Amino acid sequence: MDETIPTTHVISLEEKAFREALVAYGRGTVRLEGIEPSEAFEALNSRYIAGEITFEEHAAAVMRLHGQ
């Protein structure tokens, strides 16, 4: 987990459901390409779904995770 992102955001149940669906879609797309998401990536997904980080923070953390 990326501990350099200390933010927490309050999100609605609808937003949480939207984030869960978005992450599930992305996970499925990656798996169709033959890639299994790493534990670190899934930890970021969990933080995003929980509202701990924004979409932009999630994307930046994923880029750092993959060295970009």
N, C-alpha and C. Protein backbone atom coordinates (compact mmCIF):
# COMPACT_ATOMS: atom_id res chain seq x y z
N MET A 1 0.84 -1.17 0.00
CA MET A 1 0.00 0.00 0.00
C MET A 1 0.89 1.23 0.00
N ASP A 2 0.46 2.27 -0.69
CA ASP A 2 1.23 3.49 -0.79
C ASP A 2 0.88 4.39 0.38
N GLU A 3 1.76 4.47 1.36
CA GLU A 3 1.49 5.24 2.57
C GLU A 3 1.71 6.74 2.37
N THR A 4 2.14 7.17 1.18
CA THR A 4 2.38 8.59 0.96
C THR A 4 1.10 9.34 0.61
N ILE A 5 -0.03 8.67 0.57
CA ILE A 5 -1.31 9.31 0.26
C ILE A 5 -2.19 9.26 1.50
N PRO A 6 -2.13 10.29 2.36
CA PRO A 6 -2.84 10.25 3.64
C PRO A 6 -4.29 10.75 3.59
N THR A 7 -4.81 11.11 2.43
CA THR A 7 -6.12 11.74 2.37
C THR A 7 -7.26 10.77 2.60
N THR A 8 -8.36 11.30 3.09
CA THR A 8 -9.60 10.53 3.26
C THR A 8 -10.74 11.41 2.78
N HIS A 9 -11.61 10.84 1.98
CA HIS A 9 -12.75 11.56 1.44
C HIS A 9 -14.03 10.83 1.83
N VAL A 10 -15.05 11.56 2.20
CA VAL A 10 -16.33 10.95 2.51
C VAL A 10 -17.09 10.79 1.21
N ILE A 11 -17.52 9.56 0.92
CA ILE A 11 -18.27 9.31 -0.31
C ILE A 11 -19.61 8.66 0.03
N SER A 12 -20.56 8.82 -0.88
CA SER A 12 -21.89 8.24 -0.69
C SER A 12 -21.86 6.75 -1.03
N LEU A 13 -22.92 6.06 -0.65
CA LEU A 13 -23.04 4.64 -1.00
C LEU A 13 -23.11 4.47 -2.51
N GLU A 14 -23.74 5.43 -3.19
CA GLU A 14 -23.83 5.38 -4.65
C GLU A 14 -22.44 5.52 -5.28
N GLU A 15 -21.65 6.45 -4.73
CA GLU A 15 -20.30 6.64 -5.24
C GLU A 15 -19.46 5.39 -4.98
N LYS A 16 -19.62 4.79 -3.82
CA LYS A 16 -18.87 3.57 -3.51
C LYS A 16 -19.25 2.46 -4.49
N ALA A 17 -20.54 2.31 -4.79
CA ALA A 17 -20.99 1.29 -5.74
C ALA A 17 -20.43 1.57 -7.13
N PHE A 18 -20.41 2.84 -7.52
CA PHE A 18 -19.84 3.22 -8.81
C PHE A 18 -18.36 2.86 -8.87
N ARG A 19 -17.63 3.16 -7.80
CA ARG A 19 -16.20 2.85 -7.75
C ARG A 19 -15.96 1.35 -7.79
N GLU A 20 -16.80 0.58 -7.10
CA GLU A 20 -16.66 -0.88 -7.14
C GLU A 20 -16.85 -1.40 -8.55
N ALA A 21 -17.87 -0.88 -9.25
CA ALA A 21 -18.13 -1.30 -10.63
C ALA A 21 -16.98 -0.90 -11.55
N LEU A 22 -16.45 0.30 -11.36
CA LEU A 22 -15.34 0.78 -12.17
C LEU A 22 -14.10 -0.10 -11.98
N VAL A 23 -13.79 -0.42 -10.74
CA VAL A 23 -12.64 -1.27 -10.45
C VAL A 23 -12.86 -2.69 -11.00
N ALA A 24 -14.06 -3.22 -10.86
CA ALA A 24 -14.35 -4.56 -11.38
C ALA A 24 -14.18 -4.60 -12.89
N TYR A 25 -14.63 -3.56 -13.57
CA TYR A 25 -14.48 -3.49 -15.02
C TYR A 25 -13.00 -3.47 -15.40
N GLY A 26 -12.24 -2.62 -14.72
CA GLY A 26 -10.81 -2.53 -15.00
C GLY A 26 -10.08 -3.83 -14.73
N ARG A 27 -10.44 -4.47 -13.62
CA ARG A 27 -9.83 -5.75 -13.26
C ARG A 27 -10.14 -6.80 -14.34
N GLY A 28 -11.38 -6.83 -14.80
CA GLY A 28 -11.77 -7.77 -15.84
C GLY A 28 -11.03 -7.52 -17.15
N THR A 29 -10.87 -6.25 -17.49
CA THR A 29 -10.15 -5.89 -18.72
C THR A 29 -8.70 -6.35 -18.66
N VAL A 30 -8.06 -6.13 -17.52
CA VAL A 30 -6.66 -6.54 -17.35
C VAL A 30 -6.56 -8.07 -17.42
N ARG A 31 -7.48 -8.75 -16.80
CA ARG A 31 -7.44 -10.23 -16.81
C ARG A 31 -7.67 -10.78 -18.21
N LEU A 32 -8.48 -10.10 -19.02
CA LEU A 32 -8.67 -10.53 -20.41
C LEU A 32 -7.37 -10.46 -21.19
N GLU A 33 -6.48 -9.58 -20.78
CA GLU A 33 -5.17 -9.45 -21.41
C GLU A 33 -4.17 -10.45 -20.83
N GLY A 34 -4.62 -11.28 -19.89
CA GLY A 34 -3.76 -12.31 -19.32
C GLY A 34 -2.91 -11.84 -18.15
N ILE A 35 -3.28 -10.70 -17.55
CA ILE A 35 -2.52 -10.15 -16.43
C ILE A 35 -3.34 -10.27 -15.16
N GLU A 36 -2.72 -10.78 -14.12
CA GLU A 36 -3.39 -10.86 -12.82
C GLU A 36 -2.95 -9.66 -11.98
N PRO A 37 -3.90 -8.86 -11.49
CA PRO A 37 -3.54 -7.69 -10.69
C PRO A 37 -2.74 -8.07 -9.44
N SER A 38 -1.73 -7.26 -9.13
CA SER A 38 -0.88 -7.53 -7.97
C SER A 38 -1.61 -7.16 -6.67
N GLU A 39 -1.07 -7.63 -5.55
CA GLU A 39 -1.63 -7.28 -4.25
C GLU A 39 -1.53 -5.78 -4.00
N ALA A 40 -0.44 -5.17 -4.42
CA ALA A 40 -0.28 -3.72 -4.24
C ALA A 40 -1.34 -2.96 -5.04
N PHE A 41 -1.61 -3.40 -6.24
CA PHE A 41 -2.63 -2.77 -7.07
C PHE A 41 -4.01 -2.94 -6.43
N GLU A 42 -4.29 -4.13 -5.93
CA GLU A 42 -5.58 -4.38 -5.29
C GLU A 42 -5.73 -3.56 -4.01
N ALA A 43 -4.62 -3.32 -3.30
CA ALA A 43 -4.68 -2.48 -2.11
C ALA A 43 -5.05 -1.05 -2.49
N LEU A 44 -4.50 -0.55 -3.59
CA LEU A 44 -4.88 0.78 -4.08
C LEU A 44 -6.35 0.80 -4.46
N ASN A 45 -6.81 -0.25 -5.13
CA ASN A 45 -8.22 -0.34 -5.50
C ASN A 45 -9.11 -0.27 -4.26
N SER A 46 -8.73 -0.98 -3.22
CA SER A 46 -9.52 -0.97 -1.97
C SER A 46 -9.57 0.41 -1.35
N ARG A 47 -8.45 1.11 -1.37
CA ARG A 47 -8.42 2.47 -0.83
C ARG A 47 -9.30 3.41 -1.65
N TYR A 48 -9.27 3.25 -2.97
CA TYR A 48 -10.11 4.07 -3.85
C TYR A 48 -11.59 3.79 -3.59
N ILE A 49 -11.96 2.53 -3.54
CA ILE A 49 -13.36 2.15 -3.31
C ILE A 49 -13.85 2.68 -1.96
N ALA A 50 -12.99 2.63 -0.95
CA ALA A 50 -13.38 3.07 0.40
C ALA A 50 -13.47 4.59 0.52
N GLY A 51 -12.98 5.31 -0.50
CA GLY A 51 -13.02 6.76 -0.44
C GLY A 51 -11.81 7.38 0.22
N GLU A 52 -10.78 6.57 0.46
CA GLU A 52 -9.56 7.08 1.08
C GLU A 52 -8.75 7.93 0.12
N ILE A 53 -8.85 7.64 -1.18
CA ILE A 53 -8.14 8.40 -2.20
C ILE A 53 -9.08 8.69 -3.37
N THR A 54 -8.78 9.76 -4.09
CA THR A 54 -9.58 10.14 -5.26
C THR A 54 -9.14 9.34 -6.47
N PHE A 55 -9.88 9.48 -7.56
CA PHE A 55 -9.51 8.85 -8.82
C PHE A 55 -8.12 9.31 -9.25
N GLU A 56 -7.87 10.62 -9.14
CA GLU A 56 -6.59 11.17 -9.55
C GLU A 56 -5.45 10.64 -8.68
N GLU A 57 -5.68 10.53 -7.38
CA GLU A 57 -4.66 9.98 -6.48
C GLU A 57 -4.42 8.51 -6.79
N HIS A 58 -5.48 7.78 -7.08
CA HIS A 58 -5.37 6.36 -7.44
C HIS A 58 -4.55 6.22 -8.71
N ALA A 59 -4.86 7.01 -9.73
CA ALA A 59 -4.14 6.92 -11.00
C ALA A 59 -2.66 7.25 -10.82
N ALA A 60 -2.36 8.29 -10.04
CA ALA A 60 -0.97 8.66 -9.80
C ALA A 60 -0.23 7.56 -9.06
N ALA A 61 -0.87 6.95 -8.08
CA ALA A 61 -0.24 5.87 -7.32
C ALA A 61 0.00 4.65 -8.20
N VAL A 62 -0.93 4.35 -9.10
CA VAL A 62 -0.75 3.23 -10.02
C VAL A 62 0.44 3.50 -10.94
N MET A 63 0.55 4.74 -11.42
CA MET A 63 1.68 5.10 -12.29
C MET A 63 3.00 4.93 -11.53
N ARG A 64 3.03 5.36 -10.27
CA ARG A 64 4.26 5.19 -9.47
C ARG A 64 4.54 3.70 -9.24
N LEU A 65 3.49 2.93 -8.98
CA LEU A 65 3.64 1.49 -8.75
C LEU A 65 4.28 0.80 -9.94
N HIS A 66 3.92 1.26 -11.12
CA HIS A 66 4.43 0.64 -12.34
C HIS A 66 5.59 1.41 -12.95
N GLY A 67 6.19 2.30 -12.15
CA GLY A 67 7.41 2.99 -12.57
C GLY A 67 7.25 3.97 -13.70
N GLN A 68 6.08 4.61 -13.77
CA GLN A 68 5.87 5.60 -14.85
C GLN A 68 5.66 6.97 -14.30
